Amino acid sequence: MRIARVVGTIIASVKDKKLAGLTLLVVDIQDGAGNLLESSVVAVDNIGAGVGELVLVVSGSAARIPAGISNIATDATVVAIIDEITLTQK
């Protein structure tokens, strides 16, 4: 799982019919301190996250499991909204 910030949404009126009814979000992958690691990743929203929220994203083939879409070409799914992150100093 990776930490991400929801930065936008995607509306696609023409798409694979298997994507119908799924919400697509644009997320920026971050480290625990909020530093940008990767920008503009598209993820299926499985939980109703909104722009500005900090979320957990699963990627790769495992991303299809929580979304219940094993036969759709997707490689990122939002699976949780993060309430708080606590980092321990070394």
PDB file of N, CA and C in Angstrom:
ATOM      1  N   MET A   1       0.844  -1.183   0.000  1.00  0.00           N
ATOM      2  CA  MET A   1       0.000   0.000   0.000  1.00  0.00           C
ATOM      3  C   MET A   1       0.886   1.242   0.000  1.00  0.00           C
ATOM      4  N   ARG A   2       0.331   2.293  -0.582  1.00  0.00           N
ATOM      5  CA  ARG A   2       1.056   3.555  -0.627  1.00  0.00           C
ATOM      6  C   ARG A   2       0.142   4.685  -0.159  1.00  0.00           C
ATOM      7  N   ILE A   3       0.754   5.714   0.394  1.00  0.00           N
ATOM      8  CA  ILE A   3       0.032   6.899   0.849  1.00  0.00           C
ATOM      9  C   ILE A   3      -0.121   7.840  -0.332  1.00  0.00           C
ATOM     10  N   ALA A   4      -1.302   8.439  -0.471  1.00  0.00           N
ATOM     11  CA  ALA A   4      -1.526   9.363  -1.585  1.00  0.00           C
ATOM     12  C   ALA A   4      -2.488  10.472  -1.163  1.00  0.00           C
ATOM     13  N   ARG A   5      -2.413  11.591  -1.865  1.00  0.00           N
ATOM     14  CA  ARG A   5      -3.336  12.707  -1.687  1.00  0.00           C
ATOM     15  C   ARG A   5      -4.189  12.798  -2.944  1.00  0.00           C
ATOM     16  N   VAL A   6      -5.511  12.837  -2.768  1.00  0.00           N
ATOM     17  CA  VAL A   6      -6.419  12.971  -3.915  1.00  0.00           C
ATOM     18  C   VAL A   6      -6.327  14.410  -4.413  1.00  0.00           C
ATOM     19  N   VAL A   7      -5.969  14.572  -5.691  1.00  0.00           N
ATOM     20  CA  VAL A   7      -5.786  15.915  -6.255  1.00  0.00           C
ATOM     21  C   VAL A   7      -6.782  16.236  -7.359  1.00  0.00           C
ATOM     22  N   GLY A   8      -7.586  15.253  -7.765  1.00  0.00           N
ATOM     23  CA  GLY A   8      -8.554  15.529  -8.818  1.00  0.00           C
ATOM     24  C   GLY A   8      -9.414  14.331  -9.147  1.00  0.00           C
ATOM     25  N   THR A   9     -10.332  14.552 -10.068  1.00  0.00           N
ATOM     26  CA  THR A   9     -11.216  13.487 -10.531  1.00  0.00           C
ATOM     27  C   THR A   9     -11.135  13.404 -12.055  1.00  0.00           C
ATOM     28  N   ILE A  10     -11.567  12.283 -12.573  1.00  0.00           N
ATOM     29  CA  ILE A  10     -11.574  12.092 -14.018  1.00  0.00           C
ATOM     30  C   ILE A  10     -12.989  11.730 -14.446  1.00  0.00           C
ATOM     31  N   ILE A  11     -13.474  12.399 -15.461  1.00  0.00           N
ATOM     32  CA  ILE A  11     -14.750  12.061 -16.084  1.00  0.00           C
ATOM     33  C   ILE A  11     -14.436  11.654 -17.511  1.00  0.00           C
ATOM     34  N   ALA A  12     -14.847  10.451 -17.861  1.00  0.00           N
ATOM     35  CA  ALA A  12     -14.608   9.937 -19.214  1.00  0.00           C
ATOM     36  C   ALA A  12     -15.931   9.406 -19.758  1.00  0.00           C
ATOM     37  N   SER A  13     -16.513  10.116 -20.688  1.00  0.00           N
ATOM     38  CA  SER A  13     -17.810   9.690 -21.222  1.00  0.00           C
ATOM     39  C   SER A  13     -17.672   8.520 -22.193  1.00  0.00           C
ATOM     40  N   VAL A  14     -16.520   8.371 -22.811  1.00  0.00           N
ATOM     41  CA  VAL A  14     -16.260   7.242 -23.688  1.00  0.00           C
ATOM     42  C   VAL A  14     -15.148   6.425 -23.049  1.00  0.00           C
ATOM     43  N   LYS A  15     -15.479   5.193 -22.658  1.00  0.00           N
ATOM     44  CA  LYS A  15     -14.510   4.339 -21.968  1.00  0.00           C
ATOM     45  C   LYS A  15     -14.922   2.887 -22.119  1.00  0.00           C
ATOM     46  N   ASP A  16     -14.053   1.995 -21.726  1.00  0.00           N
ATOM     47  CA  ASP A  16     -14.369   0.572 -21.711  1.00  0.00           C
ATOM     48  C   ASP A  16     -15.629   0.372 -20.883  1.00  0.00           C
ATOM     49  N   LYS A  17     -16.572  -0.403 -21.388  1.00  0.00           N
ATOM     50  CA  LYS A  17     -17.850  -0.581 -20.690  1.00  0.00           C
ATOM     51  C   LYS A  17     -17.684  -1.185 -19.306  1.00  0.00           C
ATOM     52  N   LYS A  18     -16.589  -1.879 -19.061  1.00  0.00           N
ATOM     53  CA  LYS A  18     -16.347  -2.456 -17.733  1.00  0.00           C
ATOM     54  C   LYS A  18     -16.018  -1.382 -16.694  1.00  0.00           C
ATOM     55  N   LEU A  19     -15.660  -0.183 -17.143  1.00  0.00           N
ATOM     56  CA  LEU A  19     -15.377   0.917 -16.222  1.00  0.00           C
ATOM     57  C   LEU A  19     -16.633   1.717 -15.862  1.00  0.00           C
ATOM     58  N   ALA A  20     -17.751   1.406 -16.490  1.00  0.00           N
ATOM     59  CA  ALA A  20     -18.999   2.132 -16.215  1.00  0.00           C
ATOM     60  C   ALA A  20     -19.354   2.018 -14.739  1.00  0.00           C
ATOM     61  N   GLY A  21     -19.694   3.146 -14.143  1.00  0.00           N
ATOM     62  CA  GLY A  21     -20.094   3.175 -12.742  1.00  0.00           C
ATOM     63  C   GLY A  21     -18.956   3.308 -11.762  1.00  0.00           C
ATOM     64  N   LEU A  22     -17.719   3.239 -12.225  1.00  0.00           N
ATOM     65  CA  LEU A  22     -16.563   3.379 -11.335  1.00  0.00           C
ATOM     66  C   LEU A  22     -16.103   4.834 -11.315  1.00  0.00           C
ATOM     67  N   THR A  23     -15.750   5.322 -10.142  1.00  0.00           N
ATOM     68  CA  THR A  23     -15.210   6.669 -10.004  1.00  0.00           C
ATOM     69  C   THR A  23     -13.697   6.595 -10.141  1.00  0.00           C
ATOM     70  N   LEU A  24     -13.143   7.496 -10.942  1.00  0.00           N
ATOM     71  CA  LEU A  24     -11.701   7.546 -11.137  1.00  0.00           C
ATOM     72  C   LEU A  24     -11.153   8.819 -10.500  1.00  0.00           C
ATOM     73  N   LEU A  25     -10.101   8.674  -9.715  1.00  0.00           N
ATOM     74  CA  LEU A  25      -9.466   9.804  -9.042  1.00  0.00           C
ATOM     75  C   LEU A  25      -8.035   9.963  -9.518  1.00  0.00           C
ATOM     76  N   VAL A  26      -7.539  11.187  -9.462  1.00  0.00           N
ATOM     77  CA  VAL A  26      -6.128  11.460  -9.695  1.00  0.00           C
ATOM     78  C   VAL A  26      -5.495  11.642  -8.320  1.00  0.00           C
ATOM     79  N   VAL A  27      -4.438  10.868  -8.048  1.00  0.00           N
ATOM     80  CA  VAL A  27      -3.769  10.945  -6.745  1.00  0.00           C
ATOM     81  C   VAL A  27      -2.280  11.183  -6.931  1.00  0.00           C
ATOM     82  N   ASP A  28      -1.691  11.868  -5.962  1.00  0.00           N
ATOM     83  CA  ASP A  28      -0.243  12.040  -5.897  1.00  0.00           C
ATOM     84  C   ASP A  28       0.281  11.146  -4.787  1.00  0.00           C
ATOM     85  N   ILE A  29       1.210  10.250  -5.117  1.00  0.00           N
ATOM     86  CA  ILE A  29       1.808   9.352  -4.133  1.00  0.00           C
ATOM     87  C   ILE A  29       2.804  10.147  -3.291  1.00  0.00           C
ATOM     88  N   GLN A  30       2.731   9.958  -1.956  1.00  0.00           N
ATOM     89  CA  GLN A  30       3.574  10.700  -1.023  1.00  0.00           C
ATOM     90  C   GLN A  30       4.265   9.741  -0.058  1.00  0.00           C
ATOM     91  N   ASP A  31       5.302  10.244   0.604  1.00  0.00           N
ATOM     92  CA  ASP A  31       5.859   9.484   1.709  1.00  0.00           C
ATOM     93  C   ASP A  31       5.118   9.892   2.982  1.00  0.00           C
ATOM     94  N   GLY A  32       5.465   9.310   4.112  1.00  0.00           N
ATOM     95  CA  GLY A  32       4.773   9.590   5.360  1.00  0.00           C
ATOM     96  C   GLY A  32       4.853  11.031   5.818  1.00  0.00           C
ATOM     97  N   ALA A  33       5.865  11.758   5.359  1.00  0.00           N
ATOM     98  CA  ALA A  33       6.038  13.164   5.731  1.00  0.00           C
ATOM     99  C   ALA A  33       5.354  14.116   4.751  1.00  0.00           C
ATOM    100  N   GLY A  34       4.739  13.568   3.706  1.00  0.00           N
ATOM    101  CA  GLY A  34       4.032  14.404   2.745  1.00  0.00           C
ATOM    102  C   GLY A  34       4.845  14.827   1.538  1.00  0.00           C
ATOM    103  N   ASN A  35       6.044  14.283   1.385  1.00  0.00           N
ATOM    104  CA  ASN A  35       6.877  14.603   0.225  1.00  0.00           C
ATOM    105  C   ASN A  35       6.387  13.841  -1.004  1.00  0.00           C
ATOM    106  N   LEU A  36       6.300  14.530  -2.133  1.00  0.00           N
ATOM    107  CA  LEU A  36       5.811  13.949  -3.375  1.00  0.00           C
ATOM    108  C   LEU A  36       6.787  12.908  -3.909  1.00  0.00           C
ATOM    109  N   LEU A  37       6.274  11.707  -4.181  1.00  0.00           N
ATOM    110  CA  LEU A  37       7.082  10.639  -4.763  1.00  0.00           C
ATOM    111  C   LEU A  37       6.711  10.373  -6.217  1.00  0.00           C
ATOM    112  N   GLU A  38       5.422  10.501  -6.526  1.00  0.00           N
ATOM    113  CA  GLU A  38       4.935  10.247  -7.886  1.00  0.00           C
ATOM    114  C   GLU A  38       3.646  11.041  -8.071  1.00  0.00           C
ATOM    115  N   SER A  39       3.513  11.705  -9.212  1.00  0.00           N
ATOM    116  CA  SER A  39       2.327  12.533  -9.411  1.00  0.00           C
ATOM    117  C   SER A  39       1.403  11.963 -10.479  1.00  0.00           C
ATOM    118  N   SER A  40       0.146  12.347 -10.380  1.00  0.00           N
ATOM    119  CA  SER A  40      -0.890  12.056 -11.375  1.00  0.00           C
ATOM    120  C   SER A  40      -1.104  10.583 -11.658  1.00  0.00           C
ATOM    121  N   VAL A  41      -1.290   9.805 -10.599  1.00  0.00           N
ATOM    122  CA  VAL A  41      -1.645   8.395 -10.734  1.00  0.00           C
ATOM    123  C   VAL A  41      -3.170   8.313 -10.749  1.00  0.00           C
ATOM    124  N   VAL A  42      -3.730   7.565 -11.684  1.00  0.00           N
ATOM    125  CA  VAL A  42      -5.180   7.390 -11.745  1.00  0.00           C
ATOM    126  C   VAL A  42      -5.537   6.135 -10.960  1.00  0.00           C
ATOM    127  N   ALA A  43      -6.505   6.274 -10.039  1.00  0.00           N
ATOM    128  CA  ALA A  43      -6.914   5.153  -9.193  1.00  0.00           C
ATOM    129  C   ALA A  43      -8.433   5.036  -9.186  1.00  0.00           C
ATOM    130  N   VAL A  44      -8.917   3.808  -9.167  1.00  0.00           N
ATOM    131  CA  VAL A  44     -10.341   3.555  -8.979  1.00  0.00           C
ATOM    132  C   VAL A  44     -10.669   3.868  -7.529  1.00  0.00           C
ATOM    133  N   ASP A  45     -11.754   4.609  -7.301  1.00  0.00           N
ATOM    134  CA  ASP A  45     -12.158   4.958  -5.936  1.00  0.00           C
ATOM    135  C   ASP A  45     -13.165   3.931  -5.449  1.00  0.00           C
ATOM    136  N   ASN A  46     -12.772   3.167  -4.449  1.00  0.00           N
ATOM    137  CA  ASN A  46     -13.610   2.097  -3.925  1.00  0.00           C
ATOM    138  C   ASN A  46     -14.356   2.505  -2.655  1.00  0.00           C
ATOM    139  N   ILE A  47     -14.110   3.744  -2.149  1.00  0.00           N
ATOM    140  CA  ILE A  47     -14.656   4.093  -0.838  1.00  0.00           C
ATOM    141  C   ILE A  47     -15.309   5.468  -0.748  1.00  0.00           C
ATOM    142  N   GLY A  48     -15.283   6.246  -1.809  1.00  0.00           N
ATOM    143  CA  GLY A  48     -15.909   7.567  -1.767  1.00  0.00           C
ATOM    144  C   GLY A  48     -14.999   8.669  -1.266  1.00  0.00           C
ATOM    145  N   ALA A  49     -13.726   8.589  -1.571  1.00  0.00           N
ATOM    146  CA  ALA A  49     -12.771   9.627  -1.161  1.00  0.00           C
ATOM    147  C   ALA A  49     -12.993  10.894  -1.984  1.00  0.00           C
ATOM    148  N   GLY A  50     -12.592  12.028  -1.415  1.00  0.00           N
ATOM    149  CA  GLY A  50     -12.754  13.291  -2.104  1.00  0.00           C
ATOM    150  C   GLY A  50     -11.445  14.023  -2.289  1.00  0.00           C
ATOM    151  N   VAL A  51     -11.474  15.034  -3.128  1.00  0.00           N
ATOM    152  CA  VAL A  51     -10.288  15.844  -3.397  1.00  0.00           C
ATOM    153  C   VAL A  51      -9.777  16.429  -2.084  1.00  0.00           C
ATOM    154  N   GLY A  52      -8.461  16.347  -1.895  1.00  0.00           N
ATOM    155  CA  GLY A  52      -7.813  16.866  -0.699  1.00  0.00           C
ATOM    156  C   GLY A  52      -7.577  15.823   0.375  1.00  0.00           C
ATOM    157  N   GLU A  53      -8.265  14.694   0.289  1.00  0.00           N
ATOM    158  CA  GLU A  53      -8.111  13.683   1.332  1.00  0.00           C
ATOM    159  C   GLU A  53      -6.850  12.858   1.137  1.00  0.00           C
ATOM    160  N   LEU A  54      -6.311  12.406   2.262  1.00  0.00           N
ATOM    161  CA  LEU A  54      -5.161  11.518   2.280  1.00  0.00           C
ATOM    162  C   LEU A  54      -5.708  10.095   2.286  1.00  0.00           C
ATOM    163  N   VAL A  55      -5.196   9.244   1.402  1.00  0.00           N
ATOM    164  CA  VAL A  55      -5.751   7.903   1.229  1.00  0.00           C
ATOM    165  C   VAL A  55      -4.654   6.854   1.144  1.00  0.00           C
ATOM    166  N   LEU A  56      -5.062   5.589   1.273  1.00  0.00           N
ATOM    167  CA  LEU A  56      -4.182   4.459   1.000  1.00  0.00           C
ATOM    168  C   LEU A  56      -4.557   3.901  -0.363  1.00  0.00           C
ATOM    169  N   VAL A  57      -3.555   3.634  -1.164  1.00  0.00           N
ATOM    170  CA  VAL A  57      -3.759   3.110  -2.520  1.00  0.00           C
ATOM    171  C   VAL A  57      -3.017   1.786  -2.640  1.00  0.00           C
ATOM    172  N   VAL A  58      -3.707   0.769  -3.160  1.00  0.00           N
ATOM    173  CA  VAL A  58      -3.036  -0.483  -3.507  1.00  0.00           C
ATOM    174  C   VAL A  58      -2.804  -0.462  -5.008  1.00  0.00           C
ATOM    175  N   SER A  59      -1.729  -1.104  -5.434  1.00  0.00           N
ATOM    176  CA  SER A  59      -1.408  -1.058  -6.855  1.00  0.00           C
ATOM    177  C   SER A  59      -1.029  -2.437  -7.374  1.00  0.00           C
ATOM    178  N   GLY A  60      -0.886  -2.523  -8.671  1.00  0.00           N
ATOM    179  CA  GLY A  60      -0.575  -3.790  -9.316  1.00  0.00           C
ATOM    180  C   GLY A  60      -1.813  -4.656  -9.425  1.00  0.00           C
ATOM    181  N   SER A  61      -1.607  -5.941  -9.622  1.00  0.00           N
ATOM    182  CA  SER A  61      -2.749  -6.842  -9.796  1.00  0.00           C
ATOM    183  C   SER A  61      -3.620  -6.903  -8.545  1.00  0.00           C
ATOM    184  N   ALA A  62      -3.062  -6.627  -7.368  1.00  0.00           N
ATOM    185  CA  ALA A  62      -3.836  -6.623  -6.122  1.00  0.00           C
ATOM    186  C   ALA A  62      -4.872  -5.504  -6.104  1.00  0.00           C
ATOM    187  N   ALA A  63      -4.723  -4.495  -6.937  1.00  0.00           N
ATOM    188  CA  ALA A  63      -5.666  -3.373  -6.968  1.00  0.00           C
ATOM    189  C   ALA A  63      -7.035  -3.799  -7.479  1.00  0.00           C
ATOM    190  N   ARG A  64      -7.099  -4.888  -8.202  1.00  0.00           N
ATOM    191  CA  ARG A  64      -8.381  -5.341  -8.745  1.00  0.00           C
ATOM    192  C   ARG A  64      -9.221  -6.082  -7.717  1.00  0.00           C
ATOM    193  N   ILE A  65      -8.594  -6.596  -6.672  1.00  0.00           N
ATOM    194  CA  ILE A  65      -9.315  -7.398  -5.674  1.00  0.00           C
ATOM    195  C   ILE A  65     -10.321  -6.563  -4.874  1.00  0.00           C
ATOM    196  N   PRO A  66      -9.897  -5.446  -4.217  1.00  0.00           N
ATOM    197  CA  PRO A  66     -10.884  -4.702  -3.426  1.00  0.00           C
ATOM    198  C   PRO A  66     -11.962  -4.036  -4.266  1.00  0.00           C
ATOM    199  N   ALA A  67     -11.648  -3.723  -5.480  1.00  0.00           N
ATOM    200  CA  ALA A  67     -12.636  -3.083  -6.342  1.00  0.00           C
ATOM    201  C   ALA A  67     -13.605  -4.103  -6.949  1.00  0.00           C
ATOM    202  N   GLY A  68     -13.308  -5.387  -6.791  1.00  0.00           N
ATOM    203  CA  GLY A  68     -14.166  -6.425  -7.342  1.00  0.00           C
ATOM    204  C   GLY A  68     -14.198  -6.417  -8.857  1.00  0.00           C
ATOM    205  N   ILE A  69     -13.061  -6.081  -9.454  1.00  0.00           N
ATOM    206  CA  ILE A  69     -13.012  -5.905 -10.905  1.00  0.00           C
ATOM    207  C   ILE A  69     -11.843  -6.670 -11.505  1.00  0.00           C
ATOM    208  N   SER A  70     -11.791  -7.954 -11.230  1.00  0.00           N
ATOM    209  CA  SER A  70     -10.645  -8.744 -11.661  1.00  0.00           C
ATOM    210  C   SER A  70     -10.468  -8.786 -13.170  1.00  0.00           C
ATOM    211  N   ASN A  71     -11.499  -8.443 -13.916  1.00  0.00           N
ATOM    212  CA  ASN A  71     -11.393  -8.519 -15.373  1.00  0.00           C
ATOM    213  C   ASN A  71     -11.273  -7.141 -16.032  1.00  0.00           C
ATOM    214  N   ILE A  72     -10.870  -6.136 -15.266  1.00  0.00           N
ATOM    215  CA  ILE A  72     -10.701  -4.784 -15.800  1.00  0.00           C
ATOM    216  C   ILE A  72      -9.233  -4.380 -15.708  1.00  0.00           C
ATOM    217  N   ALA A  73      -8.759  -3.697 -16.716  1.00  0.00           N
ATOM    218  CA  ALA A  73      -7.367  -3.245 -16.733  1.00  0.00           C
ATOM    219  C   ALA A  73      -7.204  -2.011 -15.850  1.00  0.00           C
ATOM    220  N   THR A  74      -6.948  -2.226 -14.581  1.00  0.00           N
ATOM    221  CA  THR A  74      -6.647  -1.136 -13.662  1.00  0.00           C
ATOM    222  C   THR A  74      -5.501  -1.581 -12.773  1.00  0.00           C
ATOM    223  N   ASP A  75      -4.699  -0.634 -12.344  1.00  0.00           N
ATOM    224  CA  ASP A  75      -3.575  -1.030 -11.489  1.00  0.00           C
ATOM    225  C   ASP A  75      -3.434  -0.168 -10.240  1.00  0.00           C
ATOM    226  N   ALA A  76      -4.495   0.566  -9.868  1.00  0.00           N
ATOM    227  CA  ALA A  76      -4.474   1.324  -8.617  1.00  0.00           C
ATOM    228  C   ALA A  76      -5.900   1.484  -8.103  1.00  0.00           C
ATOM    229  N   THR A  77      -6.096   1.234  -6.799  1.00  0.00           N
ATOM    230  CA  THR A  77      -7.405   1.366  -6.170  1.00  0.00           C
ATOM    231  C   THR A  77      -7.251   2.023  -4.799  1.00  0.00           C
ATOM    232  N   VAL A  78      -8.112   2.999  -4.510  1.00  0.00           N
ATOM    233  CA  VAL A  78      -8.154   3.630  -3.193  1.00  0.00           C
ATOM    234  C   VAL A  78      -8.922   2.694  -2.271  1.00  0.00           C
ATOM    235  N   VAL A  79      -8.305   2.317  -1.128  1.00  0.00           N
ATOM    236  CA  VAL A  79      -8.947   1.363  -0.220  1.00  0.00           C
ATOM    237  C   VAL A  79      -9.212   1.914   1.172  1.00  0.00           C
ATOM    238  N   ALA A  80      -8.693   3.105   1.501  1.00  0.00           N
ATOM    239  CA  ALA A  80      -8.923   3.680   2.833  1.00  0.00           C
ATOM    240  C   ALA A  80      -8.662   5.177   2.807  1.00  0.00           C
ATOM    241  N   ILE A  81      -9.381   5.882   3.673  1.00  0.00           N
ATOM    242  CA  ILE A  81      -9.107   7.298   3.918  1.00  0.00           C
ATOM    243  C   ILE A  81      -8.313   7.365   5.209  1.00  0.00           C
ATOM    244  N   ILE A  82      -7.168   8.031   5.170  1.00  0.00           N
ATOM    245  CA  ILE A  82      -6.280   8.111   6.335  1.00  0.00           C
ATOM    246  C   ILE A  82      -6.735   9.228   7.261  1.00  0.00           C
ATOM    247  N   ASP A  83      -6.891   8.904   8.537  1.00  0.00           N
ATOM    248  CA  ASP A  83      -7.250   9.902   9.545  1.00  0.00           C
ATOM    249  C   ASP A  83      -6.011  10.584  10.121  1.00  0.00           C
ATOM    250  N   GLU A  84      -4.958   9.800  10.312  1.00  0.00           N
ATOM    251  CA  GLU A  84      -3.761  10.354  10.954  1.00  0.00           C
ATOM    252  C   GLU A  84      -2.555   9.491  10.631  1.00  0.00           C
ATOM    253  N   ILE A  85      -1.399  10.136  10.520  1.00  0.00           N
ATOM    254  CA  ILE A  85      -0.129   9.431  10.355  1.00  0.00           C
ATOM    255  C   ILE A  85       0.789   9.902  11.478  1.00  0.00           C
ATOM    256  N   THR A  86       1.377   8.948  12.184  1.00  0.00           N
ATOM    257  CA  THR A  86       2.337   9.262  13.244  1.00  0.00           C
ATOM    258  C   THR A  86       3.669   8.648  12.859  1.00  0.00           C
ATOM    259  N   LEU A  87       4.682   9.476  12.720  1.00  0.00           N
ATOM    260  CA  LEU A  87       6.021   8.997  12.375  1.00  0.00           C
ATOM    261  C   LEU A  87       6.894   9.006  13.631  1.00  0.00           C
ATOM    262  N   THR A  88       7.692   7.984  13.785  1.00  0.00           N
ATOM    263  CA  THR A  88       8.616   7.890  14.908  1.00  0.00           C
ATOM    264  C   THR A  88       9.994   8.330  14.443  1.00  0.00           C
ATOM    265  N   GLN A  89      10.595   9.256  15.172  1.00  0.00           N
ATOM    266  CA  GLN A  89      11.943   9.726  14.834  1.00  0.00           C
ATOM    267  C   GLN A  89      12.949   8.659  15.220  1.00  0.00           C
ATOM    268  N   LYS A  90      13.977   8.492  14.371  1.00  0.00           N
ATOM    269  CA  LYS A  90      15.038   7.502  14.668  1.00  0.00           C
ATOM    270  C   LYS A  90      16.164   8.167  15.408  1.00  0.00           C
TER     271      LYS A  90
END
